[in-house]
Structure formats: C-alpha cells, structure tokens
Amino acid sequence: MNPIRWRGWLIAAVIFVLGVVVGGASVTWLGARAVRRSLQGGPGAPAGLAERAAVRIGADLRKNLQLTPDEAQRVQAILDESAANLRTMRREALRNARAELRSSMRRIAAELPPEKRAQFREIMVRRFERLGLRTPAGPEAQEPE
C-alpha cells in the first residue's frame, strides 16, 4: 500500500477512537450528573422515581382493574402518599450519610498531625464535590473537635 492510503486509514482510525472516547466520557458525565441530581432532589425538584412510579402504577391499575373514577382516585392517593414517604426516607438517609461523612472526617483529622490536616481537607473537599455534596464549611470542618 502506498503511504497516502495508510494516512487515510490512520486518520479514520484516530477519528473513530476520539469519537468513542468523547462519547463515552459524555455519557459517563451526564449519567453521574443525573444520579447526583436525583439524589439531591429537594422540594422544588422534578418528580423523582417514586412519584413517576406511583403515576405509572396508578395508570396500570386503573386500566387493568377497570377502576371507577372514585376507586382510581383513592388508589392514586395511597400511591402518592407512599411516594412522598419514600422521598422523605431518601432525604433522611442522605442527611444521615452526610452527617456520618462529616463526623468521620473530623475524627480522621483529629488523628492527623496539624501539618497534614490542610492536605487532608483538600482531598476531602474534592471527594465531597465528586459525590455532589456541599463542601463542609466552617471551623468544625477545618479543625477537629
């Protein structure tokens, strides 16, 4: 094969590999962002998984059981209440996880010599940000209790 033909194949291979890498990185980044957003959903957040499931289950039951409008309304109210309870449980679990992470961070910092605490805090700030959690702030996060 002549050199010009090899260059064409090489350029095509490089474009393919770059497309795969950029596409994979984009999907990973968007997926992680979607997971973070769903975990941090607050009161104004779009309907979460539990709410969407309640609507789908209600529609499925209404159709398959041929529920009357009154029955469908009562069933949907129960499903909506359950979805709200699940959302509350998820928020509480996230709050507990944050508290445990901060507690362990303070305990670890207490075990480290003062010259290593600043570096430890920088590492932990990056990890908190990757998890989509707010960075611990205030003196209690910087110095152990």
C-alpha atoms as a PDB file:
ATOM      1  CA  MET A   1       0.000   0.000   0.000  1.00  0.00           C
ATOM      2  CA  ASN A   2       1.158   3.475  -0.677  1.00  0.00           C
ATOM      3  CA  PRO A   3       1.788   5.982   2.151  1.00  0.00           C
ATOM      4  CA  ILE A   4      -1.166   8.185   1.232  1.00  0.00           C
ATOM      5  CA  ARG A   5      -3.586   5.301   1.672  1.00  0.00           C
ATOM      6  CA  TRP A   6      -2.116   4.446   5.092  1.00  0.00           C
ATOM      7  CA  ARG A   7      -2.526   8.028   6.216  1.00  0.00           C
ATOM      8  CA  GLY A   8      -6.197   7.925   5.258  1.00  0.00           C
ATOM      9  CA  TRP A   9      -6.760   4.773   7.309  1.00  0.00           C
ATOM     10  CA  LEU A  10      -4.790   6.208  10.205  1.00  0.00           C
ATOM     11  CA  ILE A  11      -6.840   9.417  10.178  1.00  0.00           C
ATOM     12  CA  ALA A  12     -10.076   7.400  10.059  1.00  0.00           C
ATOM     13  CA  ALA A  13      -8.924   5.257  12.999  1.00  0.00           C
ATOM     14  CA  VAL A  14      -7.970   8.336  15.050  1.00  0.00           C
ATOM     15  CA  ILE A  15     -11.355   9.952  14.350  1.00  0.00           C
ATOM     16  CA  PHE A  16     -13.126   6.727  15.382  1.00  0.00           C
ATOM     17  CA  VAL A  17     -11.141   6.378  18.609  1.00  0.00           C
ATOM     18  CA  LEU A  18     -11.685  10.045  19.508  1.00  0.00           C
ATOM     19  CA  GLY A  19     -15.413   9.653  18.850  1.00  0.00           C
ATOM     20  CA  VAL A  20     -15.601   6.628  21.132  1.00  0.00           C
ATOM     21  CA  VAL A  21     -13.627   8.358  23.895  1.00  0.00           C
ATOM     22  CA  VAL A  22     -15.585  11.623  23.728  1.00  0.00           C
ATOM     23  CA  GLY A  23     -18.899   9.767  23.513  1.00  0.00           C
ATOM     24  CA  GLY A  24     -18.065   7.518  26.471  1.00  0.00           C
ATOM     25  CA  ALA A  25     -16.877  10.422  28.574  1.00  0.00           C
ATOM     26  CA  SER A  26     -20.006  12.417  27.755  1.00  0.00           C
ATOM     27  CA  VAL A  27     -22.333   9.570  28.660  1.00  0.00           C
ATOM     28  CA  THR A  28     -20.450   8.968  31.917  1.00  0.00           C
ATOM     29  CA  TRP A  29     -20.513  12.644  32.856  1.00  0.00           C
ATOM     30  CA  LEU A  30     -24.212  13.053  32.033  1.00  0.00           C
ATOM     31  CA  GLY A  31     -25.096   9.843  33.882  1.00  0.00           C
ATOM     32  CA  ALA A  32     -23.205  10.888  37.006  1.00  0.00           C
ATOM     33  CA  ARG A  33     -24.843  14.305  36.859  1.00  0.00           C
ATOM     34  CA  ALA A  34     -28.315  12.751  36.561  1.00  0.00           C
ATOM     35  CA  VAL A  35     -27.655  10.444  39.524  1.00  0.00           C
ATOM     36  CA  ARG A  36     -26.396  13.352  41.643  1.00  0.00           C
ATOM     37  CA  ARG A  37     -29.406  15.456  40.730  1.00  0.00           C
ATOM     38  CA  SER A  38     -31.829  12.670  41.613  1.00  0.00           C
ATOM     39  CA  LEU A  39     -30.096  12.048  44.951  1.00  0.00           C
ATOM     40  CA  GLN A  40     -30.166  15.703  45.900  1.00  0.00           C
ATOM     41  CA  GLY A  41     -33.734  16.374  44.799  1.00  0.00           C
ATOM     42  CA  GLY A  42     -35.348  18.860  47.122  1.00  0.00           C
ATOM     43  CA  PRO A  43     -38.916  20.089  47.406  1.00  0.00           C
ATOM     44  CA  GLY A  44     -38.745  22.005  44.115  1.00  0.00           C
ATOM     45  CA  ALA A  45     -37.044  19.200  42.192  1.00  0.00           C
ATOM     46  CA  PRO A  46     -38.809  17.469  39.319  1.00  0.00           C
ATOM     47  CA  ALA A  47     -40.798  14.362  40.118  1.00  0.00           C
ATOM     48  CA  GLY A  48     -38.496  11.630  41.257  1.00  0.00           C
ATOM     49  CA  LEU A  49     -38.516   7.935  40.612  1.00  0.00           C
ATOM     50  CA  ALA A  50     -41.065   7.200  43.348  1.00  0.00           C
ATOM     51  CA  GLU A  51     -43.514   9.818  42.042  1.00  0.00           C
ATOM     52  CA  ARG A  52     -43.193   8.631  38.452  1.00  0.00           C
ATOM     53  CA  ALA A  53     -43.630   5.011  39.564  1.00  0.00           C
ATOM     54  CA  ALA A  54     -46.757   5.942  41.545  1.00  0.00           C
ATOM     55  CA  VAL A  55     -48.279   7.563  38.454  1.00  0.00           C
ATOM     56  CA  ARG A  56     -47.383   4.582  36.249  1.00  0.00           C
ATOM     57  CA  ILE A  57     -48.686   2.036  38.753  1.00  0.00           C
ATOM     58  CA  GLY A  58     -51.892   4.041  39.221  1.00  0.00           C
ATOM     59  CA  ALA A  59     -52.478   4.190  35.459  1.00  0.00           C
ATOM     60  CA  ASP A  60     -51.734   0.477  35.118  1.00  0.00           C
ATOM     61  CA  LEU A  61     -54.140  -0.451  37.916  1.00  0.00           C
ATOM     62  CA  ARG A  62     -56.815   1.868  36.577  1.00  0.00           C
ATOM     63  CA  LYS A  63     -56.577   0.255  33.149  1.00  0.00           C
ATOM     64  CA  ASN A  64     -56.138  -3.423  34.110  1.00  0.00           C
ATOM     65  CA  LEU A  65     -58.594  -3.467  37.021  1.00  0.00           C
ATOM     66  CA  GLN A  66     -61.025  -1.151  35.235  1.00  0.00           C
ATOM     67  CA  LEU A  67     -61.327   1.016  38.312  1.00  0.00           C
ATOM     68  CA  THR A  68     -64.114   3.529  38.634  1.00  0.00           C
ATOM     69  CA  PRO A  69     -63.007   7.159  38.889  1.00  0.00           C
ATOM     70  CA  ASP A  70     -63.639   7.110  42.648  1.00  0.00           C
ATOM     71  CA  GLU A  71     -61.624   3.889  43.140  1.00  0.00           C
ATOM     72  CA  ALA A  72     -58.835   5.186  40.920  1.00  0.00           C
ATOM     73  CA  GLN A  73     -58.672   8.418  42.934  1.00  0.00           C
ATOM     74  CA  ARG A  74     -58.422   6.543  46.263  1.00  0.00           C
ATOM     75  CA  VAL A  75     -55.765   4.153  44.923  1.00  0.00           C
ATOM     76  CA  GLN A  76     -53.756   7.040  43.448  1.00  0.00           C
ATOM     77  CA  ALA A  77     -53.938   8.922  46.765  1.00  0.00           C
ATOM     78  CA  ILE A  78     -52.439   5.905  48.549  1.00  0.00           C
ATOM     79  CA  LEU A  79     -49.711   5.584  45.908  1.00  0.00           C
ATOM     80  CA  ASP A  80     -48.937   9.312  46.116  1.00  0.00           C
ATOM     81  CA  GLU A  81     -48.685   9.122  49.913  1.00  0.00           C
ATOM     82  CA  SER A  82     -46.311   6.175  49.618  1.00  0.00           C
ATOM     83  CA  ALA A  83     -44.171   8.062  47.086  1.00  0.00           C
ATOM     84  CA  ALA A  84     -43.980  11.073  49.414  1.00  0.00           C
ATOM     85  CA  ASN A  85     -42.955   8.797  52.300  1.00  0.00           C
ATOM     86  CA  LEU A  86     -40.222   7.227  50.162  1.00  0.00           C
ATOM     87  CA  ARG A  87     -38.923  10.664  49.191  1.00  0.00           C
ATOM     88  CA  THR A  88     -38.809  11.697  52.862  1.00  0.00           C
ATOM     89  CA  MET A  89     -36.946   8.496  53.737  1.00  0.00           C
ATOM     90  CA  ARG A  90     -34.434   9.137  50.949  1.00  0.00           C
ATOM     91  CA  ARG A  91     -33.801  12.700  52.155  1.00  0.00           C
ATOM     92  CA  GLU A  92     -33.330  11.486  55.722  1.00  0.00           C
ATOM     93  CA  ALA A  93     -30.895   8.788  54.581  1.00  0.00           C
ATOM     94  CA  LEU A  94     -28.912  11.377  52.602  1.00  0.00           C
ATOM     95  CA  ARG A  95     -28.839  13.700  55.616  1.00  0.00           C
ATOM     96  CA  ASN A  96     -27.587  10.824  57.813  1.00  0.00           C
ATOM     97  CA  ALA A  97     -24.927   9.886  55.253  1.00  0.00           C
ATOM     98  CA  ARG A  98     -23.674  13.492  55.126  1.00  0.00           C
ATOM     99  CA  ALA A  99     -23.528  13.666  58.918  1.00  0.00           C
ATOM    100  CA  GLU A 100     -21.595  10.384  59.094  1.00  0.00           C
ATOM    101  CA  LEU A 101     -19.117  11.527  56.439  1.00  0.00           C
ATOM    102  CA  ARG A 102     -18.503  14.803  58.247  1.00  0.00           C
ATOM    103  CA  SER A 103     -18.148  13.012  61.583  1.00  0.00           C
ATOM    104  CA  SER A 104     -15.601  10.579  60.198  1.00  0.00           C
ATOM    105  CA  MET A 105     -13.756  13.477  58.552  1.00  0.00           C
ATOM    106  CA  ARG A 106     -13.446  15.262  61.903  1.00  0.00           C
ATOM    107  CA  ARG A 107     -12.295  12.077  63.656  1.00  0.00           C
ATOM    108  CA  ILE A 108      -9.662  11.375  60.986  1.00  0.00           C
ATOM    109  CA  ALA A 109      -8.431  14.987  61.129  1.00  0.00           C
ATOM    110  CA  ALA A 110      -8.080  14.632  64.901  1.00  0.00           C
ATOM    111  CA  GLU A 111      -5.732  11.689  64.356  1.00  0.00           C
ATOM    112  CA  LEU A 112      -3.520  13.550  61.867  1.00  0.00           C
ATOM    113  CA  PRO A 113      -0.677  15.881  62.764  1.00  0.00           C
ATOM    114  CA  PRO A 114      -1.535  19.568  62.157  1.00  0.00           C
ATOM    115  CA  GLU A 115       0.718  19.821  59.077  1.00  0.00           C
ATOM    116  CA  LYS A 116      -1.274  17.074  57.293  1.00  0.00           C
ATOM    117  CA  ARG A 117      -4.757  18.368  58.168  1.00  0.00           C
ATOM    118  CA  ALA A 118      -4.823  21.018  55.416  1.00  0.00           C
ATOM    119  CA  GLN A 119      -3.892  18.471  52.762  1.00  0.00           C
ATOM    120  CA  PHE A 120      -6.462  16.032  54.166  1.00  0.00           C
ATOM    121  CA  ARG A 121      -9.136  18.735  53.996  1.00  0.00           C
ATOM    122  CA  GLU A 122      -8.302  19.472  50.333  1.00  0.00           C
ATOM    123  CA  ILE A 123      -8.621  15.794  49.469  1.00  0.00           C
ATOM    124  CA  MET A 124     -11.937  15.506  51.290  1.00  0.00           C
ATOM    125  CA  VAL A 125     -13.327  18.661  49.662  1.00  0.00           C
ATOM    126  CA  ARG A 126     -12.637  17.144  46.224  1.00  0.00           C
ATOM    127  CA  ARG A 127     -14.324  13.887  47.272  1.00  0.00           C
ATOM    128  CA  PHE A 128     -17.375  15.703  48.623  1.00  0.00           C
ATOM    129  CA  GLU A 129     -17.659  17.641  45.364  1.00  0.00           C
ATOM    130  CA  ARG A 130     -17.421  14.433  43.312  1.00  0.00           C
ATOM    131  CA  LEU A 131     -20.282  12.994  45.346  1.00  0.00           C
ATOM    132  CA  GLY A 132     -22.293  16.127  44.665  1.00  0.00           C
ATOM    133  CA  LEU A 133     -22.394  17.041  48.346  1.00  0.00           C
ATOM    134  CA  ARG A 134     -21.851  20.526  49.605  1.00  0.00           C
ATOM    135  CA  THR A 135     -18.344  21.099  50.824  1.00  0.00           C
ATOM    136  CA  PRO A 136     -18.139  21.046  54.591  1.00  0.00           C
ATOM    137  CA  ALA A 137     -17.749  24.622  55.743  1.00  0.00           C
ATOM    138  CA  GLY A 138     -16.977  26.352  58.931  1.00  0.00           C
ATOM    139  CA  PRO A 139     -14.416  25.831  61.632  1.00  0.00           C
ATOM    140  CA  GLU A 140     -15.788  22.441  62.633  1.00  0.00           C
ATOM    141  CA  ALA A 141     -14.826  21.045  59.222  1.00  0.00           C
ATOM    142  CA  GLN A 142     -11.346  22.523  59.277  1.00  0.00           C
ATOM    143  CA  GLU A 143     -10.263  21.645  62.781  1.00  0.00           C
ATOM    144  CA  PRO A 144     -11.250  18.589  64.774  1.00  0.00           C
ATOM    145  CA  GLU A 145     -13.463  18.966  67.804  1.00  0.00           C
END
